[in-house]
Amino acid sequence: MSRSVDDLGTTKSDPSKKPVFLTKAQREELALKRRHEEIAEQKRRSEQFLQQQGANRPSSTDNNDHDRDHRDRDRSDYHRSRDREREAERRKRDRERDEEVRERERARLEKLAEREREKELDAIKEQYLGSKKPKKRVIKPSEKFRFSFDWENTEDTSRDMNALYQNPHEARLLFGRGFRAGMDRREQKKLAAKNERELRDEIRKKDGVEESAIEAAALKKKELDADMYDTFDMRVDRHWSDKKLEEMTERDWRIFREDHNISYKGSRIPRPMRNWVESKLTTELLKAVERAGYKKPSPIQMAAIPLGLQQRDVIGVAETGSVFYDLKQMLTQSNSPVPPELARHEASKFKPGSIPDRPPRRNDTVFVH
């Protein structure tokens, strides 16, 4: 069908057919209105259908139809209220999400503005106060074309990108109870005690709980202990020979073994004895050793006698002339009396269970228990 030019002009100038911009709230309101109209139309049709069916049914079923209509009405009201609640929750979530996006964007813009302000202040300081320009390093002709694998601090572009690179996080080893090698253990203990107090104060402030007297005393004791060394620390106040047995630290025992060239291969090895008094031998044996003239034990005796007293198998390798004898721990284990020959020549009589073996070479002596 042909259309005239007047009709086309009328169609274009009709304001009712022009597209109209609707906001999100208006679109949601129109959709909800259409949904309500559809539900009302569906309800009207169902009621009309039930009326038509009711006219053809006998009068005995009127009560059942009335109950069914009531149930259908309640069900439709329930669905309508549920849809209304879901729509309200969805709108609330959308508003919260939009607000969160706006807050994030506002924080980002504030951070950018702060950074620009700092750069502007630095530029003003440099303009009026001047800046100390770094001296240009003179490059030797031989190094001019040499490739450099290192980089300078001025080439680092990550410092202005994130503050995390400027303030690195300090790792708390073993949840604050561990130590880092190569650093002063006392300072690490003090820092761990300080961090624990700050963490407790922060948690207590968040929960609204006051600090009890017992907790305060425990933290105070921990701070005092942090200023002291334990047996695993490296105390260097005295030499190991001037200390008692309970004052020996791991460092002292390591120096003691290095001084006497003592080394072990095995598991659960006891400490070596430093003198005859710490050997845990019986009084009779110690008197016999004193009469024999042995003032100080040899290194092989220091290491092997504590092992022999634990009834453990030992293979000891020592230098020639170490004067090792295993009769002491044999007598201690068997609780037998000390023979009179021990003071003169202690290796003259042996008890069963010990075999001294001397190889042909005189470089070393191997003893098997």
Protein backbone atom coordinates (compact mmCIF):
# COMPACT_ATOMS: atom_id res chain seq x y z
CA MET A 1 0.00 0.00 0.00
CA SER A 2 1.41 3.39 -0.98
CA ARG A 3 1.77 6.06 1.67
CA SER A 4 1.69 9.78 1.12
CA VAL A 5 4.31 12.26 2.13
CA ASP A 6 1.86 13.85 4.60
CA ASP A 7 1.42 10.52 6.39
CA LEU A 8 5.18 10.10 6.71
CA GLY A 9 5.56 13.56 8.16
CA THR A 10 2.76 12.90 10.61
CA THR A 11 4.36 9.65 11.73
CA LYS A 12 7.73 11.22 12.32
CA SER A 13 6.35 14.14 14.25
CA ASP A 14 4.19 11.99 16.55
CA PRO A 15 5.72 12.48 20.02
CA SER A 16 4.03 9.38 21.48
CA LYS A 17 6.13 7.06 19.32
CA LYS A 18 9.47 8.60 20.13
CA PRO A 19 11.77 6.52 22.38
CA VAL A 20 11.73 7.69 25.98
CA PHE A 21 14.64 7.11 28.37
CA LEU A 22 13.64 5.32 31.56
CA THR A 23 15.77 4.96 34.66
CA LYS A 24 16.50 1.64 36.27
CA ALA A 25 13.92 2.23 39.04
CA GLN A 26 11.25 3.14 36.46
CA ARG A 27 11.98 -0.01 34.43
CA GLU A 28 11.71 -2.15 37.54
CA GLU A 29 8.43 -0.46 38.51
CA LEU A 30 6.96 -1.05 35.03
CA ALA A 31 8.06 -4.70 35.08
CA LEU A 32 6.49 -5.19 38.50
CA LYS A 33 3.28 -3.51 37.33
CA ARG A 34 3.09 -5.78 34.27
CA ARG A 35 3.65 -8.78 36.49
CA HIS A 36 0.79 -7.76 38.78
CA GLU A 37 -1.49 -7.26 35.79
CA GLU A 38 -0.60 -10.70 34.45
CA ILE A 39 -1.33 -12.27 37.84
CA ALA A 40 -4.66 -10.42 38.09
CA GLU A 41 -5.61 -11.48 34.55
CA GLN A 42 -4.68 -15.08 35.27
CA LYS A 43 -6.70 -14.99 38.47
CA ARG A 44 -9.71 -13.51 36.65
CA ARG A 45 -9.54 -16.21 34.00
CA SER A 46 -9.27 -18.96 36.61
CA GLU A 47 -12.27 -17.58 38.51
CA GLN A 48 -14.26 -17.31 35.28
CA PHE A 49 -13.34 -20.88 34.42
CA LEU A 50 -14.36 -22.07 37.87
CA GLN A 51 -17.68 -20.28 37.60
CA GLN A 52 -18.35 -21.94 34.27
CA GLN A 53 -17.45 -25.32 35.68
CA GLY A 54 -19.51 -24.69 38.82
CA ALA A 55 -22.64 -24.05 36.78
CA ASN A 56 -22.37 -27.57 35.33
CA ARG A 57 -21.54 -29.36 38.62
CA PRO A 58 -24.07 -30.65 41.12
CA SER A 59 -24.75 -28.57 44.23
CA SER A 60 -23.02 -31.15 46.53
CA THR A 61 -19.55 -30.05 45.37
CA ASP A 62 -19.97 -26.33 46.12
CA ASN A 63 -18.20 -26.57 49.48
CA ASN A 64 -15.20 -28.38 47.96
CA ASP A 65 -14.96 -25.78 45.23
CA HIS A 66 -15.08 -23.03 47.78
CA ASP A 67 -12.24 -24.60 49.77
CA ARG A 68 -10.20 -25.11 46.64
CA ASP A 69 -10.71 -21.51 45.62
CA HIS A 70 -9.63 -20.40 49.08
CA ARG A 71 -6.46 -22.49 48.89
CA ASP A 72 -5.66 -21.19 45.42
CA ARG A 73 -6.16 -17.65 46.63
CA ASP A 74 -3.84 -18.21 49.60
CA ARG A 75 -1.24 -19.81 47.35
CA SER A 76 -1.33 -16.94 44.90
CA ASP A 77 -1.06 -14.43 47.76
CA TYR A 78 1.95 -16.34 49.14
CA HIS A 79 3.68 -16.36 45.74
CA ARG A 80 2.93 -12.68 45.30
CA SER A 81 4.41 -11.76 48.69
CA ARG A 82 7.46 -13.95 48.08
CA ASP A 83 8.09 -12.30 44.73
CA ARG A 84 7.76 -8.92 46.40
CA GLU A 85 10.31 -9.85 49.09
CA ARG A 86 12.77 -11.23 46.54
CA GLU A 87 12.48 -8.08 44.48
CA ALA A 88 13.15 -5.94 47.57
CA GLU A 89 16.21 -8.04 48.52
CA ARG A 90 17.57 -7.83 44.99
CA ARG A 91 17.21 -4.06 45.01
CA LYS A 92 18.98 -3.87 48.36
CA ARG A 93 21.89 -6.00 47.10
CA ASP A 94 22.17 -3.84 43.99
CA ARG A 95 22.28 -0.68 46.08
CA GLU A 96 24.94 -2.11 48.40
CA ARG A 97 27.06 -3.26 45.45
CA ASP A 98 26.80 0.13 43.78
CA GLU A 99 27.74 1.83 47.05
CA GLU A 100 30.76 -0.42 47.47
CA VAL A 101 31.92 0.30 43.94
CA ARG A 102 31.55 4.04 44.55
CA GLU A 103 33.52 3.79 47.83
CA ARG A 104 36.32 1.88 46.14
CA GLU A 105 36.50 4.37 43.32
CA ARG A 106 36.49 7.27 45.80
CA ALA A 107 39.36 5.70 47.79
CA ARG A 108 41.35 5.16 44.59
CA LEU A 109 40.86 8.77 43.52
CA GLU A 110 41.86 10.04 46.97
CA LYS A 111 45.02 7.96 46.87
CA LEU A 112 45.88 9.28 43.41
CA ALA A 113 45.25 12.84 44.57
CA GLU A 114 47.48 12.33 47.63
CA ARG A 115 50.24 10.95 45.45
CA GLU A 116 49.96 13.89 43.07
CA ARG A 117 50.11 16.30 46.05
CA GLU A 118 53.27 14.63 47.31
CA LYS A 119 54.88 14.90 43.90
CA GLU A 120 53.89 18.55 43.69
CA LEU A 121 55.38 19.30 47.12
CA ASP A 122 58.59 17.52 46.13
CA ALA A 123 58.76 19.63 42.98
CA ILE A 124 58.26 22.85 45.00
CA LYS A 125 61.00 21.82 47.46
CA GLU A 126 63.36 21.03 44.64
CA GLN A 127 62.61 24.38 42.99
CA TYR A 128 63.14 26.59 46.05
CA LEU A 129 65.50 24.54 48.23
CA GLY A 130 67.36 22.73 45.52
CA SER A 131 68.29 19.09 45.43
CA LYS A 132 71.55 17.29 45.74
CA LYS A 133 72.21 15.83 42.36
CA PRO A 134 74.10 12.56 42.41
CA LYS A 135 77.52 12.64 40.91
CA LYS A 136 77.84 10.87 37.66
CA ARG A 137 80.17 7.96 37.92
CA VAL A 138 83.07 8.10 35.53
CA ILE A 139 83.10 4.95 33.45
CA LYS A 140 86.42 3.54 32.44
CA PRO A 141 86.96 2.97 28.73
CA SER A 142 87.43 -0.73 29.37
CA GLU A 143 84.03 -0.93 31.16
CA LYS A 144 82.14 1.23 28.70
CA PHE A 145 80.99 -1.63 26.48
CA ARG A 146 80.97 -4.31 29.16
CA PHE A 147 77.54 -5.76 29.94
CA SER A 148 76.44 -5.18 33.54
CA PHE A 149 74.26 -7.79 35.21
CA ASP A 150 73.52 -5.56 38.24
CA TRP A 151 70.91 -2.84 38.51
CA GLU A 152 70.92 0.39 40.47
CA ASN A 153 68.34 1.65 42.95
CA THR A 154 67.41 4.49 40.62
CA GLU A 155 66.16 1.90 38.12
CA ASP A 156 63.63 0.46 40.56
CA THR A 157 60.14 1.46 39.35
CA SER A 158 58.18 -0.61 41.89
CA ARG A 159 58.70 1.79 44.80
CA ASP A 160 56.07 4.28 43.60
CA MET A 161 53.58 1.58 42.61
CA ASN A 162 52.81 0.00 45.97
CA ALA A 163 53.72 0.87 49.55
CA LEU A 164 54.15 -2.84 50.27
CA TYR A 165 57.61 -2.73 48.70
CA GLN A 166 58.71 0.04 51.08
CA ASN A 167 57.39 -1.62 54.27
CA PRO A 168 57.96 -5.37 53.91
CA HIS A 169 56.20 -7.68 56.35
CA GLU A 170 58.37 -9.35 58.96
CA ALA A 171 57.70 -13.08 59.11
CA ARG A 172 56.99 -14.49 62.58
CA LEU A 173 58.70 -17.86 62.61
CA LEU A 174 56.84 -20.57 64.55
CA PHE A 175 54.07 -18.03 65.37
CA GLY A 176 56.56 -15.75 67.13
CA ARG A 177 58.50 -18.45 69.00
CA GLY A 178 61.13 -19.16 66.34
CA PHE A 179 64.49 -17.50 65.72
CA ARG A 180 66.33 -16.39 62.60
CA ALA A 181 69.89 -17.61 62.18
CA GLY A 182 72.73 -15.12 62.18
CA MET A 183 70.96 -12.55 64.38
CA ASP A 184 71.10 -11.77 68.08
CA ARG A 185 68.74 -14.16 69.85
CA ARG A 186 68.24 -11.76 72.76
CA GLU A 187 66.98 -8.98 70.50
CA GLN A 188 64.73 -11.45 68.70
CA LYS A 189 63.27 -12.56 72.04
CA LYS A 190 62.59 -8.96 73.05
CA LEU A 191 60.88 -8.25 69.73
CA ALA A 192 58.77 -11.43 70.02
CA ALA A 193 57.65 -10.48 73.55
CA LYS A 194 56.75 -6.96 72.36
CA ASN A 195 54.76 -8.29 69.40
CA GLU A 196 52.89 -10.72 71.64
CA ARG A 197 51.92 -7.93 74.05
CA GLU A 198 50.68 -5.72 71.20
CA LEU A 199 48.68 -8.59 69.71
CA ARG A 200 47.09 -9.41 73.08
CA ASP A 201 46.22 -5.75 73.67
CA GLU A 202 44.62 -5.49 70.24
CA ILE A 203 42.51 -8.64 70.74
CA ARG A 204 41.54 -7.58 74.27
CA LYS A 205 40.52 -4.12 73.06
CA LYS A 206 38.43 -5.61 70.26
CA ASP A 207 36.60 -8.00 72.61
CA GLY A 208 36.25 -5.42 75.38
CA VAL A 209 38.06 -7.56 77.99
CA GLU A 210 40.38 -6.10 80.60
CA GLU A 211 43.81 -7.54 81.33
CA SER A 212 43.91 -9.71 84.44
CA ALA A 213 46.66 -9.63 87.03
CA ILE A 214 47.78 -13.18 86.15
CA GLU A 215 48.17 -12.35 82.44
CA ALA A 216 50.05 -9.14 83.26
CA ALA A 217 52.44 -11.05 85.53
CA ALA A 218 52.98 -13.75 82.88
CA LEU A 219 53.78 -11.17 80.19
CA LYS A 220 56.11 -9.33 82.57
CA LYS A 221 57.96 -12.58 83.32
CA LYS A 222 58.25 -13.32 79.60
CA GLU A 223 59.75 -9.88 78.96
CA LEU A 224 62.27 -10.42 81.77
CA ASP A 225 63.15 -13.87 80.43
CA ALA A 226 63.69 -12.35 76.99
CA ASP A 227 66.60 -10.36 78.43
CA MET A 228 68.29 -13.56 79.63
CA TYR A 229 69.90 -16.49 77.85
CA ASP A 230 68.79 -20.09 78.13
CA THR A 231 70.88 -23.25 77.71
CA PHE A 232 70.44 -23.16 73.94
CA ASP A 233 71.83 -19.65 73.55
CA MET A 234 75.43 -18.66 72.89
CA ARG A 235 76.61 -17.22 76.17
CA VAL A 236 80.24 -16.10 76.01
CA ASP A 237 80.74 -14.65 79.46
CA ARG A 238 83.10 -17.41 80.72
CA HIS A 239 85.13 -20.30 79.41
CA TRP A 240 83.59 -23.77 79.61
CA SER A 241 86.24 -24.91 82.10
CA ASP A 242 85.06 -22.25 84.60
CA LYS A 243 81.41 -23.28 84.44
CA LYS A 244 79.44 -25.86 86.32
CA LEU A 245 77.81 -28.78 84.51
CA GLU A 246 74.30 -27.23 84.58
CA GLU A 247 75.67 -23.91 83.22
CA MET A 248 77.10 -25.47 80.06
CA THR A 249 75.40 -24.28 76.85
CA GLU A 250 75.29 -25.82 73.40
CA ARG A 251 78.12 -23.55 72.33
CA ASP A 252 80.25 -24.64 75.30
CA TRP A 253 79.73 -28.33 74.52
CA ARG A 254 80.63 -27.73 70.87
CA ILE A 255 83.84 -25.93 71.83
CA PHE A 256 84.64 -28.67 74.36
CA ARG A 257 84.32 -31.37 71.67
CA GLU A 258 86.42 -29.34 69.23
CA ASP A 259 89.15 -28.75 71.84
CA HIS A 260 89.47 -32.49 72.53
CA ASN A 261 88.81 -33.62 68.93
CA ILE A 262 85.74 -35.65 69.93
CA SER A 263 83.18 -36.65 67.31
CA TYR A 264 80.29 -39.12 67.28
CA LYS A 265 78.31 -41.18 64.84
CA GLY A 266 75.03 -42.46 66.26
CA SER A 267 71.80 -41.39 67.90
CA ARG A 268 70.86 -40.29 71.44
CA ILE A 269 74.47 -39.82 72.44
CA PRO A 270 75.05 -38.65 76.03
CA ARG A 271 77.24 -35.72 76.94
CA PRO A 272 80.96 -36.43 77.38
CA MET A 273 82.40 -36.12 80.85
CA ARG A 274 84.78 -33.25 81.53
CA ASN A 275 86.51 -34.78 84.56
CA TRP A 276 86.41 -37.85 86.77
CA VAL A 277 83.91 -36.31 89.18
CA GLU A 278 81.28 -36.04 86.40
CA SER A 279 81.84 -39.63 85.23
CA LYS A 280 79.17 -41.15 87.57
CA LEU A 281 81.58 -43.91 88.57
CA THR A 282 81.47 -45.43 92.02
CA THR A 283 83.45 -43.92 94.88
CA GLU A 284 85.82 -46.90 95.06
CA LEU A 285 86.68 -46.59 91.37
CA LEU A 286 87.29 -42.84 91.68
CA LYS A 287 89.64 -43.43 94.62
CA ALA A 288 91.48 -46.10 92.64
CA VAL A 289 91.84 -43.73 89.68
CA GLU A 290 93.21 -41.07 91.97
CA ARG A 291 95.73 -43.52 93.49
CA ALA A 292 96.76 -44.59 89.99
CA GLY A 293 97.68 -40.99 89.23
CA TYR A 294 95.19 -40.22 86.46
CA LYS A 295 94.38 -36.57 87.06
CA LYS A 296 92.45 -35.93 83.86
CA PRO A 297 90.68 -38.40 81.52
CA SER A 298 91.80 -38.73 77.94
CA PRO A 299 89.46 -37.69 75.09
CA ILE A 300 88.50 -41.30 74.32
CA GLN A 301 87.68 -41.83 78.00
CA MET A 302 85.62 -38.63 78.09
CA ALA A 303 83.50 -39.82 75.16
CA ALA A 304 83.29 -43.59 75.67
CA ILE A 305 82.84 -44.02 79.45
CA PRO A 306 79.37 -42.34 79.51
CA LEU A 307 78.35 -44.62 76.64
CA GLY A 308 79.68 -47.69 78.42
CA LEU A 309 77.79 -46.83 81.59
CA GLN A 310 74.58 -46.90 79.51
CA GLN A 311 75.43 -50.48 78.37
CA ARG A 312 75.66 -49.46 74.73
CA ASP A 313 77.89 -50.96 72.06
CA VAL A 314 80.78 -48.64 71.23
CA ILE A 315 83.52 -48.63 68.64
CA GLY A 316 86.05 -46.04 69.71
CA VAL A 317 88.90 -44.82 67.54
CA ALA A 318 91.67 -42.98 69.40
CA GLU A 319 95.28 -42.00 68.97
CA THR A 320 98.06 -44.23 70.23
CA GLY A 321 98.82 -43.61 73.88
CA SER A 322 95.32 -42.41 74.82
CA VAL A 323 95.42 -44.85 77.77
CA PHE A 324 91.86 -46.04 77.26
CA TYR A 325 90.65 -48.72 79.62
CA ASP A 326 87.13 -50.08 79.91
CA LEU A 327 87.40 -51.86 83.23
CA LYS A 328 85.77 -48.98 85.14
CA GLN A 329 82.37 -49.18 83.49
CA MET A 330 82.52 -53.00 83.66
CA LEU A 331 83.04 -52.86 87.40
CA THR A 332 80.36 -50.23 87.77
CA GLN A 333 77.79 -52.32 85.90
CA SER A 334 78.61 -55.59 87.64
CA ASN A 335 78.95 -53.95 91.10
CA SER A 336 81.98 -56.12 91.73
CA PRO A 337 84.70 -55.02 94.19
CA VAL A 338 87.78 -53.31 92.89
CA PRO A 339 90.72 -55.73 92.68
CA PRO A 340 93.93 -54.57 94.31
CA GLU A 341 95.76 -54.89 90.99
CA LEU A 342 93.72 -51.98 89.57
CA ALA A 343 95.89 -49.38 91.27
CA ARG A 344 99.07 -50.88 89.81
CA HIS A 345 97.99 -52.21 86.46
CA GLU A 346 94.27 -51.93 85.84
CA ALA A 347 94.23 -54.01 82.64
CA SER A 348 95.72 -57.08 84.38
CA LYS A 349 92.34 -58.76 84.91
CA PHE A 350 89.25 -58.53 82.75
CA LYS A 351 85.63 -59.41 83.30
CA PRO A 352 83.65 -61.30 80.66
CA GLY A 353 81.92 -59.07 78.09
CA SER A 354 84.81 -56.80 77.14
CA ILE A 355 87.48 -57.42 74.50
CA PRO A 356 90.27 -54.86 73.94
CA ASP A 357 91.56 -55.28 70.40
CA ARG A 358 94.84 -53.70 69.25
CA PRO A 359 95.52 -53.88 65.49
CA PRO A 360 99.05 -54.33 64.16
CA ARG A 361 99.29 -50.70 63.14
CA ARG A 362 100.20 -48.39 66.03
CA ASN A 363 98.44 -45.39 64.49
CA ASP A 364 95.19 -45.98 66.33
CA THR A 365 93.53 -48.38 68.73
CA VAL A 366 90.04 -49.84 68.23
CA PHE A 367 88.06 -51.09 71.21
CA VAL A 368 84.90 -53.17 70.82
CA HIS A 369 82.51 -53.51 73.76
